[in-house]
Amino acid sequence: MSVNGRITGPLRRFFNMEFSAGLLLMVAALLAITLANSRFSASYFAGLRTSVGPFSVQQWINDGLMALFFLQIGLEIKREWVHGELSSWRGCILPGAAAAGGMLVPAVLYALFNRHDAEALRGWAIPSATDVAFALGVLSLLGRRVPSSLKIFLAALAIIDDVGAIVVIALFFGSSLSIPDLAVAALLFMFLAVMNRWRMSNLALYALLGLALWAFLLRSGVHATLAGVLVSLTIPAELPLNASKALPSVSPLHRLEHYLRTPVAFLIVPIFGFANAGVSLAGVTPAALIEPITLGVAAGLSVGKLVGVFGTVLLLVYSKSADLPEGATWLQVAGISLLCGFGFTMSLFIAQLAFNDPELQDQAKLGILAGSLIAGAGGYAILRVFSTGPF
């Protein structure tokens, strides 16, 4: 089998499976929204706040389980980085630059809506985020109708976007960082990088050091899900140096990807959706719909992301600095760009950090829900209509 076949085969099987996993995520999210706005809302939120050891149930899900999600997505991207769509500079620069444009334009658009209110301007980063789990979940509903190159483009863009959001949170909204804990985390990452250099294939050792890296990042004040991305970069994508050529073997990256695929798609992501999609609209008034914060967030997610991502891709491709993802059309790129506006959980998290006033939080919340709904539904509709591949 060719190298290209070895790469696209697992990718195709993964996204075929993701169709049903995407449906499960949407069901979990709808159930959460229903519970959060029903007579069972108190029980729903109390359950998420229940302490299990040092953290609440929701914290374990968001900081613990989601680190495994980012690890799995990071492995997908690294595989494409080594052998696939992202292996060249021209392929790699596109999602990176598009992520930057997709963060900058929404922030500027939000600032324009709120330029006369210093307190409201604290929310400039809210529409800059992309919820990678929900964006990929919506995309997975399209099955094989969308080229795999676009799926990799969205995954890479969303990961870079989320890392950017983590940096923004640390610099502008985070509590004071613990330098000693960050130093230990950096040392652990260096050990993992050395193991990668030596092509060590013991996944248990990677898991042990990765768990320690996660713990120290969490203690440092940095969003602990970053550990999943960092560990994925260190998992060898090549066979061990001492591997026998006479025996069939797979790389540690492919083995770990195989182990994580099913539990991440059918357990971790739906649990995340159920724990985070339950946004209560109690106390939100119709007047909040026309507040500058609401309009700025909604416009940033639904319009700003589209303009920022699509405009960057257009500029790079027409300047011959990058190539359009293989097999993709401009309308499909527009659909993906709009889908990036599904901010949701990361945007909600930033809103809580940006505003102390519950009224301002409610306005931001309404804008996030409206903008994410427009972006998710609009992106899906464009891709559904203008993608002709087999379902």
Protein backbone atom coordinates (compact mmCIF):
# COMPACT_ATOMS: atom_id res chain seq x y z
CA MET A 1 0.00 0.00 0.00
CA SER A 2 1.27 3.50 -0.82
CA VAL A 3 2.13 6.04 1.88
CA ASN A 4 -0.88 8.10 0.77
CA GLY A 5 -3.11 5.07 1.16
CA ARG A 6 -1.81 4.39 4.65
CA ILE A 7 -2.61 7.99 5.58
CA THR A 8 -6.03 8.49 3.98
CA GLY A 9 -7.31 5.01 4.91
CA PRO A 10 -7.35 5.54 8.68
CA LEU A 11 -8.55 9.11 8.19
CA ARG A 12 -11.50 7.95 6.10
CA ARG A 13 -12.45 5.26 8.62
CA PHE A 14 -12.15 7.80 11.44
CA PHE A 15 -14.52 10.34 9.91
CA ASN A 16 -16.98 7.63 8.82
CA MET A 17 -17.20 6.63 12.47
CA GLU A 18 -17.39 10.30 13.43
CA PHE A 19 -20.75 10.71 11.68
CA SER A 20 -22.53 8.69 14.34
CA ALA A 21 -20.33 10.23 17.04
CA GLY A 22 -21.31 13.68 15.79
CA LEU A 23 -24.99 12.79 16.10
CA LEU A 24 -24.35 11.59 19.65
CA LEU A 25 -22.65 14.90 20.49
CA MET A 26 -25.61 16.91 19.15
CA VAL A 27 -28.08 14.78 21.13
CA ALA A 28 -26.01 15.28 24.30
CA ALA A 29 -25.86 19.05 23.71
CA LEU A 30 -29.61 19.34 23.08
CA LEU A 31 -30.32 17.30 26.20
CA ALA A 32 -28.08 19.59 28.24
CA ILE A 33 -29.76 22.77 26.94
CA THR A 34 -33.18 21.25 27.67
CA LEU A 35 -32.24 20.27 31.23
CA ALA A 36 -30.61 23.64 31.93
CA ASN A 37 -33.86 25.43 31.09
CA SER A 38 -36.28 23.01 32.73
CA ARG A 39 -37.42 22.28 36.28
CA PHE A 40 -34.44 19.90 36.53
CA SER A 41 -31.92 22.71 36.03
CA ALA A 42 -30.93 22.88 39.70
CA SER A 43 -30.10 19.16 39.74
CA TYR A 44 -28.20 19.44 36.44
CA PHE A 45 -25.95 22.28 37.63
CA ALA A 46 -25.56 20.80 41.12
CA GLY A 47 -24.35 17.54 39.60
CA LEU A 48 -21.72 19.35 37.55
CA ARG A 49 -20.55 21.28 40.62
CA THR A 50 -20.22 18.13 42.73
CA SER A 51 -16.68 17.79 44.06
CA VAL A 52 -14.68 14.69 43.24
CA GLY A 53 -11.36 15.03 45.02
CA PRO A 54 -9.82 18.47 44.43
CA PHE A 55 -12.06 19.42 41.49
CA SER A 56 -15.69 19.50 40.46
CA VAL A 57 -17.14 17.03 37.97
CA GLN A 58 -17.16 19.73 35.28
CA GLN A 59 -13.51 20.62 35.92
CA TRP A 60 -12.48 16.97 35.61
CA ILE A 61 -14.29 16.82 32.28
CA ASN A 62 -12.99 20.12 30.88
CA ASP A 63 -9.41 19.91 32.14
CA GLY A 64 -8.97 16.14 32.33
CA LEU A 65 -10.98 14.25 29.74
CA MET A 66 -10.62 17.00 27.15
CA ALA A 67 -6.84 16.75 27.38
CA LEU A 68 -7.29 13.28 25.82
CA PHE A 69 -9.45 14.82 23.09
CA PHE A 70 -6.72 17.34 22.27
CA LEU A 71 -4.18 14.52 22.34
CA GLN A 72 -6.17 12.53 19.80
CA ILE A 73 -6.72 15.53 17.50
CA GLY A 74 -3.05 16.44 17.88
CA LEU A 75 -2.06 12.95 16.73
CA GLU A 76 -4.24 13.34 13.63
CA ILE A 77 -2.57 16.62 12.81
CA LYS A 78 0.94 15.31 13.44
CA ARG A 79 0.31 12.37 11.10
CA GLU A 80 -0.65 14.83 8.38
CA TRP A 81 2.30 17.02 9.33
CA VAL A 82 4.74 14.13 8.82
CA HIS A 83 3.25 12.40 5.78
CA GLY A 84 0.17 14.24 4.56
CA GLU A 85 -1.48 17.57 3.78
CA LEU A 86 0.59 19.58 6.28
CA SER A 87 3.99 18.10 5.40
CA SER A 88 5.05 21.08 3.28
CA TRP A 89 5.47 24.73 4.25
CA ARG A 90 2.75 25.74 1.80
CA GLY A 91 0.34 23.27 3.38
CA CYS A 92 1.26 24.24 6.93
CA ILE A 93 1.09 28.02 6.60
CA LEU A 94 -2.55 28.03 5.48
CA PRO A 95 -4.25 26.85 8.71
CA GLY A 96 -1.81 28.86 10.84
CA ALA A 97 -2.41 32.14 9.04
CA ALA A 98 -6.16 31.46 8.75
CA ALA A 99 -6.34 30.88 12.51
CA ALA A 100 -4.62 34.23 13.11
CA GLY A 101 -7.02 36.01 10.76
CA GLY A 102 -9.93 34.20 12.37
CA MET A 103 -8.92 35.54 15.78
CA LEU A 104 -8.02 39.09 14.75
CA VAL A 105 -11.04 40.10 12.65
CA PRO A 106 -13.73 39.00 15.18
CA ALA A 107 -11.89 40.88 17.94
CA VAL A 108 -11.74 44.05 15.82
CA LEU A 109 -15.42 43.73 14.86
CA TYR A 110 -16.41 43.31 18.50
CA ALA A 111 -14.33 46.36 19.44
CA LEU A 112 -16.13 48.45 16.82
CA PHE A 113 -19.49 47.61 18.39
CA ASN A 114 -18.22 48.47 21.89
CA ARG A 115 -15.67 51.20 21.22
CA HIS A 116 -17.37 53.70 23.56
CA ASP A 117 -17.58 51.38 26.59
CA ALA A 118 -14.31 50.56 28.38
CA GLU A 119 -15.92 47.82 30.49
CA ALA A 120 -17.49 46.13 27.46
CA LEU A 121 -14.17 46.23 25.60
CA ARG A 122 -12.83 43.68 28.10
CA GLY A 123 -14.77 41.09 26.11
CA TRP A 124 -12.78 41.59 22.88
CA ALA A 125 -11.45 38.01 22.94
CA ILE A 126 -14.86 36.32 23.34
CA PRO A 127 -15.65 35.94 19.59
CA SER A 128 -12.06 35.00 18.73
CA ALA A 129 -12.41 31.41 19.95
CA THR A 130 -13.44 28.28 18.07
CA ASP A 131 -14.91 25.28 19.87
CA VAL A 132 -12.93 22.53 18.17
CA ALA A 133 -15.08 19.69 19.56
CA PHE A 134 -18.38 21.13 18.34
CA ALA A 135 -16.97 22.42 15.03
CA LEU A 136 -15.59 18.99 14.16
CA GLY A 137 -18.78 17.39 15.48
CA VAL A 138 -20.91 19.44 13.07
CA LEU A 139 -18.51 18.68 10.21
CA SER A 140 -18.62 14.96 10.95
CA LEU A 141 -22.38 14.97 10.24
CA LEU A 142 -21.48 15.40 6.56
CA GLY A 143 -19.62 12.10 6.43
CA ARG A 144 -17.43 11.76 3.32
CA ARG A 145 -19.13 14.55 1.40
CA VAL A 146 -16.35 16.91 2.46
CA PRO A 147 -12.75 16.27 1.27
CA SER A 148 -10.47 14.91 3.99
CA SER A 149 -8.09 17.80 3.27
CA LEU A 150 -10.73 20.26 4.52
CA LYS A 151 -11.28 18.23 7.67
CA ILE A 152 -7.57 18.32 8.42
CA PHE A 153 -7.54 22.05 7.63
CA LEU A 154 -10.36 22.70 10.12
CA ALA A 155 -8.77 20.48 12.79
CA ALA A 156 -5.38 22.19 12.44
CA LEU A 157 -6.92 25.67 12.35
CA ALA A 158 -9.10 24.97 15.39
CA ILE A 159 -6.20 23.54 17.40
CA ILE A 160 -4.04 26.59 16.61
CA ASP A 161 -7.01 28.82 17.44
CA ASP A 162 -7.50 27.09 20.80
CA VAL A 163 -3.80 27.32 21.64
CA GLY A 164 -4.04 31.02 20.76
CA ALA A 165 -7.06 31.35 23.05
CA ILE A 166 -5.11 29.65 25.86
CA VAL A 167 -2.29 32.18 25.38
CA VAL A 168 -4.78 35.07 25.39
CA ILE A 169 -6.36 33.77 28.61
CA ALA A 170 -2.95 33.39 30.25
CA LEU A 171 -1.79 36.88 29.22
CA PHE A 172 -4.96 38.93 29.68
CA PHE A 173 -7.42 37.04 31.89
CA GLY A 174 -5.49 34.42 33.83
CA SER A 175 -4.52 34.49 37.45
CA SER A 176 -0.85 34.81 38.28
CA LEU A 177 1.17 32.00 36.74
CA SER A 178 3.34 29.70 38.83
CA ILE A 179 6.80 29.93 37.27
CA PRO A 180 8.23 26.91 39.19
CA ASP A 181 5.37 24.68 37.99
CA LEU A 182 5.80 25.98 34.43
CA ALA A 183 9.52 25.21 34.64
CA VAL A 184 8.84 21.62 35.71
CA ALA A 185 6.29 21.26 32.90
CA ALA A 186 8.87 22.55 30.40
CA LEU A 187 11.41 20.04 31.72
CA LEU A 188 8.93 17.18 31.34
CA PHE A 189 8.19 18.26 27.78
CA MET A 190 11.94 18.23 27.06
CA PHE A 191 12.15 14.64 28.36
CA LEU A 192 9.27 13.66 26.09
CA ALA A 193 10.99 15.36 23.14
CA VAL A 194 14.19 13.39 23.83
CA MET A 195 12.18 10.16 23.95
CA ASN A 196 10.71 11.10 20.57
CA ARG A 197 14.18 11.79 19.22
CA TRP A 198 15.28 8.31 20.27
CA ARG A 199 12.04 6.85 18.83
CA MET A 200 11.17 5.20 22.12
CA SER A 201 7.97 3.22 21.62
CA ASN A 202 6.86 2.57 25.23
CA LEU A 203 3.47 4.29 25.31
CA ALA A 204 3.13 3.65 29.05
CA LEU A 205 6.17 5.84 29.69
CA TYR A 206 4.75 8.59 27.47
CA ALA A 207 1.46 8.32 29.38
CA LEU A 208 3.20 8.59 32.76
CA LEU A 209 5.22 11.66 31.80
CA GLY A 210 2.21 13.13 29.98
CA LEU A 211 0.11 12.79 33.14
CA ALA A 212 2.81 14.58 35.13
CA LEU A 213 2.98 17.31 32.46
CA TRP A 214 -0.80 17.74 32.69
CA ALA A 215 -0.67 18.03 36.49
CA PHE A 216 2.06 20.68 36.51
CA LEU A 217 0.38 22.70 33.75
CA LEU A 218 -2.83 22.62 35.78
CA ARG A 219 -0.95 23.80 38.90
CA SER A 220 0.79 26.52 36.90
CA GLY A 221 -2.45 28.27 35.97
CA VAL A 222 -2.24 27.41 32.25
CA HIS A 223 -5.20 25.64 30.65
CA ALA A 224 -4.29 21.98 31.25
CA THR A 225 -5.71 20.72 27.94
CA LEU A 226 -2.56 22.15 26.35
CA ALA A 227 -0.81 19.05 27.73
CA GLY A 228 -2.68 16.91 25.19
CA VAL A 229 -1.36 18.99 22.30
CA LEU A 230 2.20 18.98 23.65
CA VAL A 231 2.25 15.22 24.24
CA SER A 232 0.89 14.54 20.74
CA LEU A 233 3.88 16.38 19.27
CA THR A 234 6.27 13.99 21.01
CA ILE A 235 4.70 10.64 20.04
CA PRO A 236 6.94 9.08 17.33
CA ALA A 237 5.32 8.82 13.91
CA GLU A 238 8.05 6.46 12.69
CA LEU A 239 8.85 2.88 13.64
CA PRO A 240 11.32 2.35 16.51
CA LEU A 241 14.98 2.19 15.48
CA ASN A 242 15.22 -1.43 16.66
CA ALA A 243 12.01 -2.56 14.91
CA SER A 244 12.33 -5.82 13.01
CA LYS A 245 11.73 -5.33 9.31
CA ALA A 246 10.68 -8.97 9.04
CA LEU A 247 7.65 -8.43 11.29
CA PRO A 248 4.68 -6.18 10.58
CA SER A 249 4.61 -3.19 12.88
CA VAL A 250 3.01 0.21 13.30
CA SER A 251 4.36 3.40 14.78
CA PRO A 252 3.56 4.47 18.36
CA LEU A 253 1.51 7.34 16.92
CA HIS A 254 -0.74 4.99 14.94
CA ARG A 255 -1.12 2.65 17.93
CA LEU A 256 -2.11 5.44 20.31
CA GLU A 257 -4.43 6.94 17.72
CA HIS A 258 -6.15 3.56 17.41
CA TYR A 259 -6.53 3.21 21.20
CA LEU A 260 -8.02 6.69 21.63
CA ARG A 261 -10.32 6.86 18.62
CA THR A 262 -13.43 5.10 19.94
CA PRO A 263 -13.44 6.33 23.57
CA VAL A 264 -12.82 9.93 22.48
CA ALA A 265 -15.52 9.92 19.79
CA PHE A 266 -18.23 8.03 21.66
CA LEU A 267 -17.53 8.83 25.31
CA ILE A 268 -15.35 11.88 25.98
CA VAL A 269 -16.79 14.30 23.40
CA PRO A 270 -20.48 13.55 24.18
CA ILE A 271 -19.75 13.90 27.91
CA PHE A 272 -18.07 17.24 27.20
CA GLY A 273 -21.09 18.37 25.19
CA PHE A 274 -23.50 17.37 27.93
CA ALA A 275 -21.44 19.10 30.63
CA ASN A 276 -20.93 22.37 28.76
CA ALA A 277 -23.89 22.96 26.44
CA GLY A 278 -26.32 23.45 29.30
CA VAL A 279 -26.58 27.24 29.19
CA SER A 280 -29.44 28.67 31.23
CA LEU A 281 -31.33 31.56 29.65
CA ALA A 282 -33.09 32.43 32.90
CA GLY A 283 -32.84 36.16 33.51
CA VAL A 284 -31.97 36.98 29.90
CA THR A 285 -34.35 39.70 28.68
CA PRO A 286 -35.36 40.52 25.07
CA ALA A 287 -33.66 43.91 25.49
CA ALA A 288 -30.33 42.10 25.74
CA LEU A 289 -30.66 41.13 22.07
CA ILE A 290 -29.78 44.63 20.93
CA GLU A 291 -27.05 45.39 23.46
CA PRO A 292 -23.62 46.18 21.89
CA ILE A 293 -21.99 43.25 23.69
CA THR A 294 -24.57 40.81 22.33
CA LEU A 295 -24.34 42.21 18.82
CA GLY A 296 -20.54 42.40 18.92
CA VAL A 297 -20.13 38.79 20.00
CA ALA A 298 -22.74 37.45 17.56
CA ALA A 299 -21.31 39.46 14.65
CA GLY A 300 -17.76 38.51 15.56
CA LEU A 301 -18.54 34.80 15.53
CA SER A 302 -20.83 34.68 12.50
CA VAL A 303 -19.32 37.41 10.30
CA GLY A 304 -15.86 38.07 11.73
CA LYS A 305 -14.75 34.44 11.57
CA LEU A 306 -16.00 34.08 8.00
CA VAL A 307 -14.21 37.24 6.86
CA GLY A 308 -11.05 36.53 8.85
CA VAL A 309 -10.55 32.90 7.84
CA PHE A 310 -11.86 33.08 4.26
CA GLY A 311 -10.12 36.40 3.59
CA THR A 312 -6.78 35.04 4.78
CA VAL A 313 -7.09 31.91 2.64
CA LEU A 314 -8.08 34.03 -0.36
CA LEU A 315 -5.08 36.32 0.12
CA LEU A 316 -2.57 33.49 0.53
CA VAL A 317 -3.84 31.41 -2.38
CA TYR A 318 -4.07 34.29 -4.85
CA SER A 319 -0.63 35.56 -3.80
CA LYS A 320 0.62 32.00 -4.48
CA SER A 321 1.93 31.73 -0.92
CA ALA A 322 -0.22 28.65 -0.22
CA ASP A 323 -2.42 26.14 -2.00
CA LEU A 324 -6.13 25.53 -1.56
CA PRO A 325 -6.73 22.24 0.32
CA GLU A 326 -6.71 19.38 -2.18
CA GLY A 327 -10.10 18.70 -3.76
CA ALA A 328 -11.74 21.70 -2.06
CA THR A 329 -13.79 24.43 -3.72
CA TRP A 330 -14.02 28.06 -2.67
CA LEU A 331 -17.61 27.59 -1.50
CA GLN A 332 -16.51 24.71 0.70
CA VAL A 333 -13.75 26.88 2.17
CA ALA A 334 -16.42 29.52 2.88
CA GLY A 335 -18.49 26.88 4.69
CA ILE A 336 -15.51 25.80 6.78
CA SER A 337 -14.69 29.44 7.54
CA LEU A 338 -18.22 30.04 8.80
CA LEU A 339 -18.12 26.83 10.83
CA CYS A 340 -15.09 28.23 12.67
CA GLY A 341 -17.51 30.71 14.26
CA PHE A 342 -18.87 27.94 16.49
CA GLY A 343 -17.25 29.47 19.57
CA PHE A 344 -19.49 28.12 22.30
CA THR A 345 -17.63 26.63 25.29
CA MET A 346 -14.30 28.43 24.88
CA SER A 347 -16.16 31.71 24.26
CA LEU A 348 -18.35 31.13 27.33
CA PHE A 349 -15.24 30.49 29.39
CA ILE A 350 -13.58 33.73 28.24
CA ALA A 351 -16.83 35.65 28.90
CA GLN A 352 -16.81 34.49 32.52
CA LEU A 353 -13.23 35.71 32.90
CA ALA A 354 -13.82 39.02 31.10
CA PHE A 355 -16.94 40.18 32.96
CA ASN A 356 -17.76 40.18 36.66
CA ASP A 357 -21.18 41.76 36.11
CA PRO A 358 -23.84 39.00 35.66
CA GLU A 359 -25.80 41.27 33.31
CA LEU A 360 -22.82 41.64 30.98
CA GLN A 361 -22.21 37.89 31.19
CA ASP A 362 -25.82 37.28 30.13
CA GLN A 363 -25.41 39.59 27.14
CA ALA A 364 -22.22 37.81 26.09
CA LYS A 365 -23.91 34.45 26.61
CA LEU A 366 -26.78 35.43 24.33
CA GLY A 367 -24.36 36.63 21.66
CA ILE A 368 -22.37 33.40 21.87
CA LEU A 369 -25.47 31.24 21.48
CA ALA A 370 -26.78 33.32 18.55
CA GLY A 371 -23.42 33.60 16.80
CA SER A 372 -22.54 29.92 17.27
CA LEU A 373 -25.98 28.82 16.03
CA ILE A 374 -25.73 31.01 12.91
CA ALA A 375 -22.16 29.89 12.22
CA GLY A 376 -22.83 26.20 12.85
CA ALA A 377 -26.09 26.02 10.89
CA GLY A 378 -24.82 28.27 8.10
CA GLY A 379 -21.53 26.43 7.72
CA TYR A 380 -23.27 23.06 7.70
CA ALA A 381 -25.84 24.25 5.12
CA ILE A 382 -23.17 25.59 2.74
CA LEU A 383 -21.10 22.42 2.98
CA ARG A 384 -24.19 20.20 2.66
CA VAL A 385 -25.39 21.97 -0.51
CA PHE A 386 -22.05 22.48 -2.21
CA SER A 387 -20.38 19.15 -1.41
CA THR A 388 -21.18 16.34 -3.80
CA GLY A 389 -19.05 13.49 -2.47
CA PRO A 390 -20.56 10.19 -1.24
CA PHE A 391 -22.28 10.34 2.15
